[in-house]
Amino acid sequence: MVKREIRRKKIHWRIRKKIIGSLGRPRLAVYRSNSEIYAQLIDDLQGHTLCASSSMQKEIAGVKVNKSEMSKLVGIDIAKKAVAAGISECVFDRGGNLYHGRIKALADGAREGGLKF
């Protein structure tokens, strides 16, 4: 692994020691690759993914916008799915990434869509 990836993994492990998602307040886990972004609401106690969204979905991938705006669309989409499933609060897990750029855009979109964290 690249030194940068090892650093991100260490930060992620340190965050995950403190953050636990439950059914009432699941964990909003974010994974960012170079070209795509993925978000999942996870119940860690049961080990289930409650809902998920990514920039690869047809309705999001069809929109021609830059990566930050696409991340915001993913955040809005995961929030809509969460509200439909009866989830209003969550815990944000940035996955070891810095809270700026695409990660911040996704969080802002999720808040705009109705999630509280």
C-alpha atoms as a PDB file:
ATOM      1  CA  MET A   1       0.000   0.000   0.000  1.00  0.00           C
ATOM      2  CA  VAL A   2       0.992   3.571  -0.565  1.00  0.00           C
ATOM      3  CA  LYS A   3       2.040   5.598   2.460  1.00  0.00           C
ATOM      4  CA  ARG A   4      -0.996   7.879   2.006  1.00  0.00           C
ATOM      5  CA  GLU A   5      -3.372   4.885   2.052  1.00  0.00           C
ATOM      6  CA  ILE A   6      -1.781   3.470   5.214  1.00  0.00           C
ATOM      7  CA  ARG A   7      -2.210   6.847   6.919  1.00  0.00           C
ATOM      8  CA  ARG A   8      -5.899   6.983   5.891  1.00  0.00           C
ATOM      9  CA  LYS A   9      -6.472   3.442   7.193  1.00  0.00           C
ATOM     10  CA  LYS A  10      -4.913   4.317  10.567  1.00  0.00           C
ATOM     11  CA  ILE A  11      -7.135   7.372  10.883  1.00  0.00           C
ATOM     12  CA  HIS A  12     -10.166   5.268   9.921  1.00  0.00           C
ATOM     13  CA  TRP A  13      -9.384   2.622  12.562  1.00  0.00           C
ATOM     14  CA  ARG A  14      -8.990   5.355  15.171  1.00  0.00           C
ATOM     15  CA  ILE A  15     -12.385   6.816  14.210  1.00  0.00           C
ATOM     16  CA  ARG A  16     -14.088   3.406  14.144  1.00  0.00           C
ATOM     17  CA  LYS A  17     -13.020   2.678  17.738  1.00  0.00           C
ATOM     18  CA  LYS A  18     -15.274   5.553  18.834  1.00  0.00           C
ATOM     19  CA  ILE A  19     -18.178   5.398  16.348  1.00  0.00           C
ATOM     20  CA  ILE A  20     -20.804   2.649  16.567  1.00  0.00           C
ATOM     21  CA  GLY A  21     -24.002   2.647  14.528  1.00  0.00           C
ATOM     22  CA  SER A  22     -27.242   1.239  15.945  1.00  0.00           C
ATOM     23  CA  LEU A  23     -30.684   0.709  14.463  1.00  0.00           C
ATOM     24  CA  GLY A  24     -31.954   3.985  15.940  1.00  0.00           C
ATOM     25  CA  ARG A  25     -28.835   5.924  14.895  1.00  0.00           C
ATOM     26  CA  PRO A  26     -26.922   4.083  12.133  1.00  0.00           C
ATOM     27  CA  ARG A  27     -23.448   4.926  10.884  1.00  0.00           C
ATOM     28  CA  LEU A  28     -23.232   6.843   7.602  1.00  0.00           C
ATOM     29  CA  ALA A  29     -20.062   5.325   6.136  1.00  0.00           C
ATOM     30  CA  VAL A  30     -18.446   7.109   3.192  1.00  0.00           C
ATOM     31  CA  TYR A  31     -15.892   5.665   0.772  1.00  0.00           C
ATOM     32  CA  ARG A  32     -14.230   7.914  -1.785  1.00  0.00           C
ATOM     33  CA  SER A  33     -12.273   6.608  -4.742  1.00  0.00           C
ATOM     34  CA  ASN A  34     -10.601   8.757  -7.375  1.00  0.00           C
ATOM     35  CA  SER A  35     -13.659   8.828  -9.616  1.00  0.00           C
ATOM     36  CA  GLU A  36     -16.645   7.621  -7.541  1.00  0.00           C
ATOM     37  CA  ILE A  37     -18.139   8.063  -4.062  1.00  0.00           C
ATOM     38  CA  TYR A  38     -20.201   5.583  -2.052  1.00  0.00           C
ATOM     39  CA  ALA A  39     -22.352   6.011   1.075  1.00  0.00           C
ATOM     40  CA  GLN A  40     -24.041   3.398   3.282  1.00  0.00           C
ATOM     41  CA  LEU A  41     -26.169   3.521   6.413  1.00  0.00           C
ATOM     42  CA  ILE A  42     -24.969   0.620   8.563  1.00  0.00           C
ATOM     43  CA  ASP A  43     -26.337  -0.929  11.756  1.00  0.00           C
ATOM     44  CA  ASP A  44     -23.133  -2.232  13.391  1.00  0.00           C
ATOM     45  CA  LEU A  45     -24.936  -4.115  16.160  1.00  0.00           C
ATOM     46  CA  GLN A  46     -26.776  -6.337  13.661  1.00  0.00           C
ATOM     47  CA  GLY A  47     -24.142  -6.120  10.936  1.00  0.00           C
ATOM     48  CA  HIS A  48     -26.645  -4.973   8.274  1.00  0.00           C
ATOM     49  CA  THR A  49     -26.577  -2.289   5.625  1.00  0.00           C
ATOM     50  CA  LEU A  50     -29.884  -0.439   5.897  1.00  0.00           C
ATOM     51  CA  CYS A  51     -29.580   1.574   2.674  1.00  0.00           C
ATOM     52  CA  ALA A  52     -26.869   2.598   0.241  1.00  0.00           C
ATOM     53  CA  SER A  53     -26.203   5.062  -2.540  1.00  0.00           C
ATOM     54  CA  SER A  54     -23.340   5.724  -4.923  1.00  0.00           C
ATOM     55  CA  SER A  55     -22.366   7.910  -7.826  1.00  0.00           C
ATOM     56  CA  MET A  56     -22.625   4.874 -10.093  1.00  0.00           C
ATOM     57  CA  GLN A  57     -26.428   4.670  -9.891  1.00  0.00           C
ATOM     58  CA  LYS A  58     -28.181   5.399 -13.201  1.00  0.00           C
ATOM     59  CA  GLU A  59     -30.121   8.454 -12.016  1.00  0.00           C
ATOM     60  CA  ILE A  60     -26.987  10.055 -10.496  1.00  0.00           C
ATOM     61  CA  ALA A  61     -24.441   8.942 -13.110  1.00  0.00           C
ATOM     62  CA  GLY A  62     -26.644  10.322 -15.889  1.00  0.00           C
ATOM     63  CA  VAL A  63     -26.290  13.888 -14.598  1.00  0.00           C
ATOM     64  CA  LYS A  64     -23.276  15.664 -16.067  1.00  0.00           C
ATOM     65  CA  VAL A  65     -21.776  17.604 -13.138  1.00  0.00           C
ATOM     66  CA  ASN A  66     -18.385  17.731 -11.449  1.00  0.00           C
ATOM     67  CA  LYS A  67     -17.385  15.291  -8.685  1.00  0.00           C
ATOM     68  CA  SER A  68     -18.250  17.596  -5.770  1.00  0.00           C
ATOM     69  CA  GLU A  69     -21.747  18.257  -7.076  1.00  0.00           C
ATOM     70  CA  MET A  70     -22.180  14.526  -7.727  1.00  0.00           C
ATOM     71  CA  SER A  71     -21.214  13.860  -4.104  1.00  0.00           C
ATOM     72  CA  LYS A  72     -23.918  16.265  -2.981  1.00  0.00           C
ATOM     73  CA  LEU A  73     -26.439  14.364  -5.131  1.00  0.00           C
ATOM     74  CA  VAL A  74     -25.348  11.099  -3.460  1.00  0.00           C
ATOM     75  CA  GLY A  75     -25.868  12.723  -0.047  1.00  0.00           C
ATOM     76  CA  ILE A  76     -29.367  13.885  -0.989  1.00  0.00           C
ATOM     77  CA  ASP A  77     -30.186  10.418  -2.374  1.00  0.00           C
ATOM     78  CA  ILE A  78     -29.020   8.551   0.762  1.00  0.00           C
ATOM     79  CA  ALA A  79     -31.023  10.988   2.910  1.00  0.00           C
ATOM     80  CA  LYS A  80     -34.188  10.355   0.860  1.00  0.00           C
ATOM     81  CA  LYS A  81     -33.733   6.603   1.226  1.00  0.00           C
ATOM     82  CA  ALA A  82     -33.091   6.967   4.963  1.00  0.00           C
ATOM     83  CA  VAL A  83     -36.180   9.103   5.551  1.00  0.00           C
ATOM     84  CA  ALA A  84     -38.248   6.582   3.557  1.00  0.00           C
ATOM     85  CA  ALA A  85     -36.885   3.835   5.847  1.00  0.00           C
ATOM     86  CA  GLY A  86     -37.794   5.862   8.950  1.00  0.00           C
ATOM     87  CA  ILE A  87     -34.279   6.997   9.857  1.00  0.00           C
ATOM     88  CA  SER A  88     -33.803  10.648  10.812  1.00  0.00           C
ATOM     89  CA  GLU A  89     -30.491  10.613  12.727  1.00  0.00           C
ATOM     90  CA  CYS A  90     -27.135   9.023  12.004  1.00  0.00           C
ATOM     91  CA  VAL A  91     -23.458   9.109  12.969  1.00  0.00           C
ATOM     92  CA  PHE A  92     -21.079  10.345  10.259  1.00  0.00           C
ATOM     93  CA  ASP A  93     -18.056   8.170   9.435  1.00  0.00           C
ATOM     94  CA  ARG A  94     -15.787  10.004   6.991  1.00  0.00           C
ATOM     95  CA  GLY A  95     -13.667   6.897   6.405  1.00  0.00           C
ATOM     96  CA  GLY A  96     -10.348   8.470   7.355  1.00  0.00           C
ATOM     97  CA  ASN A  97     -10.671  11.179   4.706  1.00  0.00           C
ATOM     98  CA  LEU A  98     -10.374  14.858   5.529  1.00  0.00           C
ATOM     99  CA  TYR A  99     -13.681  16.655   6.018  1.00  0.00           C
ATOM    100  CA  HIS A 100     -13.553  18.929   2.978  1.00  0.00           C
ATOM    101  CA  GLY A 101     -14.279  18.738  -0.724  1.00  0.00           C
ATOM    102  CA  ARG A 102     -16.347  15.753  -1.773  1.00  0.00           C
ATOM    103  CA  ILE A 103     -16.783  14.392   1.776  1.00  0.00           C
ATOM    104  CA  LYS A 104     -18.136  17.736   2.991  1.00  0.00           C
ATOM    105  CA  ALA A 105     -20.390  18.025  -0.081  1.00  0.00           C
ATOM    106  CA  LEU A 106     -21.892  14.596   0.650  1.00  0.00           C
ATOM    107  CA  ALA A 107     -22.479  15.538   4.301  1.00  0.00           C
ATOM    108  CA  ASP A 108     -24.106  18.826   3.290  1.00  0.00           C
ATOM    109  CA  GLY A 109     -26.343  17.002   0.816  1.00  0.00           C
ATOM    110  CA  ALA A 110     -27.381  14.482   3.468  1.00  0.00           C
ATOM    111  CA  ARG A 111     -28.242  17.305   5.875  1.00  0.00           C
ATOM    112  CA  GLU A 112     -30.162  19.063   3.106  1.00  0.00           C
ATOM    113  CA  GLY A 113     -32.085  15.846   2.450  1.00  0.00           C
ATOM    114  CA  GLY A 114     -33.226  15.584   6.075  1.00  0.00           C
ATOM    115  CA  LEU A 115     -30.589  13.584   8.000  1.00  0.00           C
ATOM    116  CA  LYS A 116     -29.291  14.893  11.324  1.00  0.00           C
ATOM    117  CA  PHE A 117     -25.770  14.181  12.572  1.00  0.00           C
END
